[in-house]
Amino acid sequence: MLGILTLHLHIPGCKSLKEKRRRLKPLLTRLHKEFNISVAEMDLQDVWQSAIIGCAVVSNDGAQAQRTLQTVAAWVETNWYDMTVVNEEIEIIA
């Protein structure tokens, strides 16, 4: 099973793409280390105050992949204060 979490983030106050990357990189690194998932910026690379990141997890149990990604989404919303989650979507592929 492959689980994919797509997060649309609003990053208030960014005035350049360089600043956006500087603020996104610690989040991507922390998610990878904390949850042992693959994570990358997927879209809106040229937009200063928005980002779409994708998180992926591989598991032999779809329910476990779903729980892991729900935990990731909740963690970002409650622990990463300088960004706002605009939308989240989880997809499990068998």
C-alpha atoms as a PDB file:
ATOM      1  CA  MET A   1       0.000   0.000   0.000  1.00  0.00           C
ATOM      2  CA  LEU A   2       1.139   3.493  -0.828  1.00  0.00           C
ATOM      3  CA  GLY A   3      -0.250   6.414   1.146  1.00  0.00           C
ATOM      4  CA  ILE A   4       0.016   9.955  -0.193  1.00  0.00           C
ATOM      5  CA  LEU A   5      -0.746  13.094   1.790  1.00  0.00           C
ATOM      6  CA  THR A   6      -1.006  16.368  -0.108  1.00  0.00           C
ATOM      7  CA  LEU A   7      -0.884  19.539   1.990  1.00  0.00           C
ATOM      8  CA  HIS A   8      -1.629  22.995   0.584  1.00  0.00           C
ATOM      9  CA  LEU A   9       0.144  25.466   2.861  1.00  0.00           C
ATOM     10  CA  HIS A  10      -0.174  29.229   3.201  1.00  0.00           C
ATOM     11  CA  ILE A  11       3.090  30.877   4.278  1.00  0.00           C
ATOM     12  CA  PRO A  12       2.241  34.409   5.397  1.00  0.00           C
ATOM     13  CA  GLY A  13       4.810  37.160   5.154  1.00  0.00           C
ATOM     14  CA  CYS A  14       7.108  35.631   2.527  1.00  0.00           C
ATOM     15  CA  LYS A  15       8.617  38.310   0.348  1.00  0.00           C
ATOM     16  CA  SER A  16      10.748  36.112  -1.918  1.00  0.00           C
ATOM     17  CA  LEU A  17      11.164  32.564  -3.143  1.00  0.00           C
ATOM     18  CA  LYS A  18      14.430  32.360  -1.216  1.00  0.00           C
ATOM     19  CA  GLU A  19      12.602  33.147   2.033  1.00  0.00           C
ATOM     20  CA  LYS A  20       9.917  30.605   1.171  1.00  0.00           C
ATOM     21  CA  ARG A  21      12.526  27.864   0.671  1.00  0.00           C
ATOM     22  CA  ARG A  22      14.248  28.886   3.912  1.00  0.00           C
ATOM     23  CA  ARG A  23      10.975  28.477   5.824  1.00  0.00           C
ATOM     24  CA  LEU A  24       9.892  25.247   4.074  1.00  0.00           C
ATOM     25  CA  LYS A  25      13.167  23.321   4.369  1.00  0.00           C
ATOM     26  CA  PRO A  26      13.045  22.851   8.173  1.00  0.00           C
ATOM     27  CA  LEU A  27       9.468  21.535   7.917  1.00  0.00           C
ATOM     28  CA  LEU A  28      10.345  19.026   5.207  1.00  0.00           C
ATOM     29  CA  THR A  29      13.405  17.835   7.128  1.00  0.00           C
ATOM     30  CA  ARG A  30      11.490  17.503  10.391  1.00  0.00           C
ATOM     31  CA  LEU A  31       8.644  15.535   8.789  1.00  0.00           C
ATOM     32  CA  HIS A  32      11.118  13.133   7.214  1.00  0.00           C
ATOM     33  CA  LYS A  33      12.978  12.566  10.492  1.00  0.00           C
ATOM     34  CA  GLU A  34       9.952  12.545  12.806  1.00  0.00           C
ATOM     35  CA  PHE A  35       7.675  10.244  10.797  1.00  0.00           C
ATOM     36  CA  ASN A  36      10.113   8.362   8.510  1.00  0.00           C
ATOM     37  CA  ILE A  37       8.234   9.454   5.389  1.00  0.00           C
ATOM     38  CA  SER A  38       9.272  10.819   2.022  1.00  0.00           C
ATOM     39  CA  VAL A  39       8.372  14.472   1.622  1.00  0.00           C
ATOM     40  CA  ALA A  40       8.862  17.106  -1.092  1.00  0.00           C
ATOM     41  CA  GLU A  41       7.457  20.361  -2.427  1.00  0.00           C
ATOM     42  CA  MET A  42       5.264  19.322  -5.356  1.00  0.00           C
ATOM     43  CA  ASP A  43       3.649  22.448  -6.771  1.00  0.00           C
ATOM     44  CA  LEU A  44       3.434  26.238  -6.568  1.00  0.00           C
ATOM     45  CA  GLN A  45       7.233  26.504  -6.522  1.00  0.00           C
ATOM     46  CA  ASP A  46       7.045  29.992  -8.043  1.00  0.00           C
ATOM     47  CA  VAL A  47       4.419  31.367  -5.633  1.00  0.00           C
ATOM     48  CA  TRP A  48       5.869  33.209  -2.640  1.00  0.00           C
ATOM     49  CA  GLN A  49       3.197  32.597  -0.010  1.00  0.00           C
ATOM     50  CA  SER A  50       1.839  29.159  -0.970  1.00  0.00           C
ATOM     51  CA  ALA A  51       3.247  25.667  -1.268  1.00  0.00           C
ATOM     52  CA  ILE A  52       1.937  22.208  -1.958  1.00  0.00           C
ATOM     53  CA  ILE A  53       3.927  19.470  -0.307  1.00  0.00           C
ATOM     54  CA  GLY A  54       3.518  15.750  -0.733  1.00  0.00           C
ATOM     55  CA  CYS A  55       4.215  13.117   1.885  1.00  0.00           C
ATOM     56  CA  ALA A  56       4.416   9.427   1.014  1.00  0.00           C
ATOM     57  CA  VAL A  57       4.496   6.279   3.118  1.00  0.00           C
ATOM     58  CA  VAL A  58       4.693   2.644   2.059  1.00  0.00           C
ATOM     59  CA  SER A  59       3.066   0.021   4.270  1.00  0.00           C
ATOM     60  CA  ASN A  60       1.689  -3.494   4.095  1.00  0.00           C
ATOM     61  CA  ASP A  61      -1.471  -2.194   5.790  1.00  0.00           C
ATOM     62  CA  GLY A  62      -3.608   0.548   4.228  1.00  0.00           C
ATOM     63  CA  ALA A  63      -5.182   1.461   7.564  1.00  0.00           C
ATOM     64  CA  GLN A  64      -1.734   1.991   9.089  1.00  0.00           C
ATOM     65  CA  ALA A  65      -0.701   4.219   6.182  1.00  0.00           C
ATOM     66  CA  GLN A  66      -3.932   6.216   6.629  1.00  0.00           C
ATOM     67  CA  ARG A  67      -3.299   6.653  10.388  1.00  0.00           C
ATOM     68  CA  THR A  68       0.294   7.701   9.826  1.00  0.00           C
ATOM     69  CA  LEU A  69      -0.674  10.365   7.298  1.00  0.00           C
ATOM     70  CA  GLN A  70      -3.522  11.647   9.482  1.00  0.00           C
ATOM     71  CA  THR A  71      -1.002  11.994  12.299  1.00  0.00           C
ATOM     72  CA  VAL A  72       1.354  13.916  10.017  1.00  0.00           C
ATOM     73  CA  ALA A  73      -1.410  16.324   8.950  1.00  0.00           C
ATOM     74  CA  ALA A  74      -2.514  16.903  12.544  1.00  0.00           C
ATOM     75  CA  TRP A  75       1.097  17.423  13.642  1.00  0.00           C
ATOM     76  CA  VAL A  76       1.689  20.108  11.001  1.00  0.00           C
ATOM     77  CA  GLU A  77      -1.505  21.946  11.984  1.00  0.00           C
ATOM     78  CA  THR A  78      -0.745  21.932  15.725  1.00  0.00           C
ATOM     79  CA  ASN A  79       3.061  22.252  15.801  1.00  0.00           C
ATOM     80  CA  TRP A  80       4.162  24.322  12.819  1.00  0.00           C
ATOM     81  CA  TYR A  81       2.959  27.812  13.677  1.00  0.00           C
ATOM     82  CA  ASP A  82       4.411  29.907  10.860  1.00  0.00           C
ATOM     83  CA  MET A  83       2.319  28.139   8.183  1.00  0.00           C
ATOM     84  CA  THR A  84      -1.391  27.480   7.789  1.00  0.00           C
ATOM     85  CA  VAL A  85      -2.838  24.314   6.272  1.00  0.00           C
ATOM     86  CA  VAL A  86      -5.321  25.427   3.611  1.00  0.00           C
ATOM     87  CA  ASN A  87      -6.246  21.947   2.427  1.00  0.00           C
ATOM     88  CA  GLU A  88      -5.209  18.359   3.024  1.00  0.00           C
ATOM     89  CA  GLU A  89      -5.922  15.235   1.038  1.00  0.00           C
ATOM     90  CA  ILE A  90      -5.003  11.610   1.753  1.00  0.00           C
ATOM     91  CA  GLU A  91      -5.010   8.925  -0.915  1.00  0.00           C
ATOM     92  CA  ILE A  92      -4.264   5.221  -0.374  1.00  0.00           C
ATOM     93  CA  ILE A  93      -3.213   3.225  -3.441  1.00  0.00           C
ATOM     94  CA  ALA A  94      -3.250  -0.559  -3.332  1.00  0.00           C
END
